[in-house]
């Protein structure tokens, strides 16, 4: 669903297991978002470097990071777009479950392919509302660096990633367009997407 370079970007962070937040009140806005992303990146590198981690434990860490670092419910709703309000509560619940499973199935095993990439924060800026954008680079041993921007939103005093922009391409927008296409191909019905996701995740 996502191009290779988008996987490299996501995998760098999905592999992280723990991050240490700054003390409450010590930072705000882009400074807090920058610290949050830097800590995630540093821990991700340490996690990826551990090749002794059993596969099942790696998947569990991946899922834990997904919940802790990313606002998965918000991302799922946003990606579904206007079709979210057309879905019943039962459809919404199943869609969110399948959406999370899709992420896990797509990336959980692949992040173990880490092969020496390094990560650095290059800047941060405040956006409208409670959002901040943190600019970073993934530096690869064999290839040009990948430029990423992480959209971070503060909820209940905690930062959460809500989108990743890879070389100017939003992962959220890309997925939203793909899901909308599937729904339109199925007569504008959310059930068509849900069925496709069921097949995709097995």
Protein backbone atom coordinates (compact mmCIF):
# COMPACT_ATOMS: atom_id res chain seq x y z
CA UNK A 1 0.00 0.00 0.00
CA UNK A 2 2.82 2.37 0.78
CA UNK A 3 5.96 2.84 -1.26
CA UNK A 4 9.29 1.49 -0.03
CA UNK A 5 10.64 4.80 1.20
CA UNK A 6 7.48 5.36 3.23
CA UNK A 7 8.05 1.98 4.85
CA UNK A 8 11.62 2.94 5.78
CA UNK A 9 10.31 6.09 7.41
CA UNK A 10 7.54 4.35 9.32
CA UNK A 11 9.66 1.38 10.30
CA UNK A 12 12.26 3.57 11.95
CA UNK A 13 9.66 4.73 14.45
CA UNK A 14 7.41 1.67 14.65
CA UNK A 15 10.38 -0.24 16.00
CA UNK A 16 10.73 1.98 19.05
CA UNK A 17 9.67 0.47 22.35
CA UNK A 18 10.05 3.23 24.93
CA UNK A 19 10.34 7.00 24.97
CA UNK A 20 11.03 9.35 27.83
CA UNK A 21 8.83 12.47 27.86
CA UNK A 22 10.08 15.80 29.10
CA UNK A 23 8.79 16.91 32.50
CA UNK A 24 5.34 18.50 32.41
CA UNK A 25 5.69 22.24 31.88
CA UNK A 26 9.34 21.99 30.87
CA UNK A 27 8.61 22.37 27.18
CA UNK A 28 5.77 23.45 24.94
CA UNK A 29 4.85 23.48 21.29
CA UNK A 30 7.52 22.61 18.80
CA UNK A 31 10.19 22.12 21.49
CA UNK A 32 8.21 19.32 23.13
CA UNK A 33 7.38 17.78 19.76
CA UNK A 34 11.05 17.85 18.76
CA UNK A 35 12.09 16.13 21.98
CA UNK A 36 9.34 13.55 21.55
CA UNK A 37 10.43 12.67 18.00
CA UNK A 38 14.13 12.65 18.88
CA UNK A 39 13.55 10.27 21.78
CA UNK A 40 11.47 7.96 19.60
CA UNK A 41 14.13 7.95 16.91
CA UNK A 42 16.96 7.23 19.35
CA UNK A 43 15.09 4.35 20.93
CA UNK A 44 14.10 3.00 17.53
CA UNK A 45 17.74 2.72 16.50
CA UNK A 46 18.55 0.79 19.68
CA UNK A 47 15.59 -1.53 19.14
CA UNK A 48 16.35 -2.21 15.49
CA UNK A 49 19.95 -2.99 16.35
CA UNK A 50 18.87 -5.85 18.65
CA UNK A 51 18.79 -8.84 16.31
CA UNK A 52 18.28 -11.28 19.19
CA UNK A 53 14.68 -10.14 19.79
CA UNK A 54 12.22 -13.04 19.14
CA UNK A 55 9.72 -12.33 16.38
CA UNK A 56 6.63 -12.47 18.60
CA UNK A 57 8.18 -10.11 21.11
CA UNK A 58 9.13 -7.76 18.28
CA UNK A 59 5.52 -7.73 17.08
CA UNK A 60 4.32 -6.95 20.60
CA UNK A 61 6.74 -4.04 20.87
CA UNK A 62 5.60 -2.81 17.50
CA UNK A 63 1.97 -2.82 18.61
CA UNK A 64 2.82 -1.12 21.90
CA UNK A 65 4.68 1.63 20.05
CA UNK A 66 1.79 2.04 17.64
CA UNK A 67 -0.57 2.73 20.52
CA UNK A 68 1.83 4.91 22.47
CA UNK A 69 3.37 7.03 19.74
CA UNK A 70 0.59 7.34 17.17
CA UNK A 71 -3.01 8.50 17.48
CA UNK A 72 -4.31 5.43 15.66
CA UNK A 73 -8.06 6.08 16.23
CA UNK A 74 -7.74 9.60 14.85
CA UNK A 75 -5.66 8.45 11.87
CA UNK A 76 -8.18 5.71 11.10
CA UNK A 77 -11.10 8.13 11.14
CA UNK A 78 -9.27 10.74 9.08
CA UNK A 79 -8.17 8.21 6.48
CA UNK A 80 -11.78 7.04 6.04
CA UNK A 81 -12.78 10.66 5.50
CA UNK A 82 -16.41 11.50 4.77
CA UNK A 83 -17.27 7.81 4.69
CA UNK A 84 -16.77 7.61 8.47
CA UNK A 85 -20.10 9.35 9.09
CA UNK A 86 -21.81 7.07 6.60
CA UNK A 87 -20.71 3.97 8.49
CA UNK A 88 -22.72 2.40 11.31
CA UNK A 89 -21.13 2.09 14.76
CA UNK A 90 -20.55 -1.59 14.09
CA UNK A 91 -18.83 -0.82 10.79
CA UNK A 92 -16.72 1.87 12.42
CA UNK A 93 -15.56 -0.53 15.14
CA UNK A 94 -14.67 -3.28 12.67
CA UNK A 95 -12.96 -0.85 10.35
CA UNK A 96 -10.76 0.51 13.16
CA UNK A 97 -9.83 -3.02 14.22
CA UNK A 98 -8.98 -4.02 10.65
CA UNK A 99 -7.09 -0.77 10.02
CA UNK A 100 -4.83 -1.39 13.00
CA UNK A 101 -4.35 -5.02 11.99
CA UNK A 102 -3.42 -3.88 8.47
CA UNK A 103 -0.67 -1.67 9.89
CA UNK A 104 0.64 -4.47 12.09
CA UNK A 105 0.56 -7.08 9.32
CA UNK A 106 2.20 -4.73 6.86
CA UNK A 107 5.04 -3.46 9.01
CA UNK A 108 5.56 -5.56 12.15
CA UNK A 109 7.84 -8.12 10.52
CA UNK A 110 9.53 -5.73 8.13
CA UNK A 111 10.99 -3.38 10.69
CA UNK A 112 13.46 -6.13 11.56
CA UNK A 113 15.11 -5.36 8.21
CA UNK A 114 16.88 -2.39 9.80
CA UNK A 115 20.35 -2.23 8.26
CA UNK A 116 22.26 0.73 9.60
CA UNK A 117 20.01 3.70 8.89
CA UNK A 118 20.57 6.69 11.17
CA UNK A 119 18.14 9.40 12.16
CA UNK A 120 18.41 13.10 12.94
CA UNK A 121 16.03 15.97 13.69
CA UNK A 122 16.66 18.98 11.46
CA UNK A 123 14.00 21.42 12.64
CA UNK A 124 10.54 22.00 14.11
CA UNK A 125 7.73 24.51 13.76
CA UNK A 126 4.35 25.19 15.32
CA UNK A 127 1.21 24.71 13.27
CA UNK A 128 -2.38 25.78 13.86
CA UNK A 129 -4.09 24.60 17.01
CA UNK A 130 -2.14 22.09 19.08
CA UNK A 131 -0.08 20.71 16.19
CA UNK A 132 3.64 20.89 15.52
CA UNK A 133 5.72 19.60 12.61
CA UNK A 134 9.15 18.09 13.18
CA UNK A 135 11.52 17.81 10.20
CA UNK A 136 13.92 14.86 10.15
CA UNK A 137 16.21 12.88 7.88
CA UNK A 138 16.78 9.15 7.58
CA UNK A 139 20.40 8.71 6.50
CA UNK A 140 21.02 5.43 4.66
CA UNK A 141 24.36 3.63 4.18
CA UNK A 142 23.60 3.03 0.51
CA UNK A 143 21.46 5.78 -0.92
CA UNK A 144 20.49 9.43 -0.54
CA UNK A 145 18.89 10.59 2.73
CA UNK A 146 15.10 10.54 3.06
CA UNK A 147 13.43 13.75 4.26
CA UNK A 148 10.45 13.34 6.55
CA UNK A 149 8.11 15.60 8.45
CA UNK A 150 6.19 14.27 11.45
CA UNK A 151 2.90 15.97 12.32
CA UNK A 152 2.52 15.86 16.11
CA UNK A 153 -0.65 16.72 17.99
CA UNK A 154 -0.89 17.28 21.75
CA UNK A 155 -3.78 15.47 23.40
CA UNK A 156 -4.38 15.39 27.15
CA UNK A 157 -0.84 16.59 27.77
CA UNK A 158 0.81 13.94 25.58
CA UNK A 159 2.19 14.27 22.04
CA UNK A 160 0.95 11.85 19.37
CA UNK A 161 1.96 11.44 15.73
CA UNK A 162 -0.99 11.94 13.37
CA UNK A 163 0.77 11.93 9.99
CA UNK A 164 4.12 11.42 8.31
CA UNK A 165 5.12 13.32 5.16
CA UNK A 166 7.85 11.58 3.15
CA UNK A 167 9.60 13.75 0.56
CA UNK A 168 6.47 15.91 0.37
CA UNK A 169 4.01 13.00 0.20
CA UNK A 170 1.59 12.53 3.11
CA UNK A 171 1.15 8.91 4.15
CA UNK A 172 -2.29 9.77 5.51
CA UNK A 173 -3.44 11.42 2.29
CA UNK A 174 -2.09 8.52 0.21
CA UNK A 175 -3.99 5.96 2.29
CA UNK A 176 -7.12 8.10 2.28
CA UNK A 177 -7.11 8.24 -1.51
CA UNK A 178 -6.61 4.48 -1.77
CA UNK A 179 -9.47 3.73 0.63
CA UNK A 180 -11.79 6.18 -1.16
CA UNK A 181 -10.99 4.46 -4.45
CA UNK A 182 -11.87 1.04 -3.03
CA UNK A 183 -15.16 2.37 -1.64
CA UNK A 184 -16.08 4.04 -4.93
CA UNK A 185 -15.34 0.82 -6.81
CA UNK A 186 -17.85 -0.87 -4.51
CA UNK A 187 -20.77 1.43 -5.15
CA UNK A 188 -19.80 3.96 -2.48
CA UNK A 189 -20.35 1.44 0.30
CA UNK A 190 -18.06 1.18 3.32
CA UNK A 191 -18.79 -2.55 3.39
CA UNK A 192 -16.72 -2.87 0.22
CA UNK A 193 -13.66 -1.48 1.98
CA UNK A 194 -14.27 -3.59 5.08
CA UNK A 195 -14.47 -6.74 2.97
CA UNK A 196 -11.25 -5.78 1.17
CA UNK A 197 -9.52 -5.21 4.51
CA UNK A 198 -10.74 -8.57 5.82
CA UNK A 199 -9.14 -10.28 2.85
CA UNK A 200 -5.98 -8.21 3.17
CA UNK A 201 -5.38 -9.02 6.83
CA UNK A 202 -6.48 -12.64 6.50
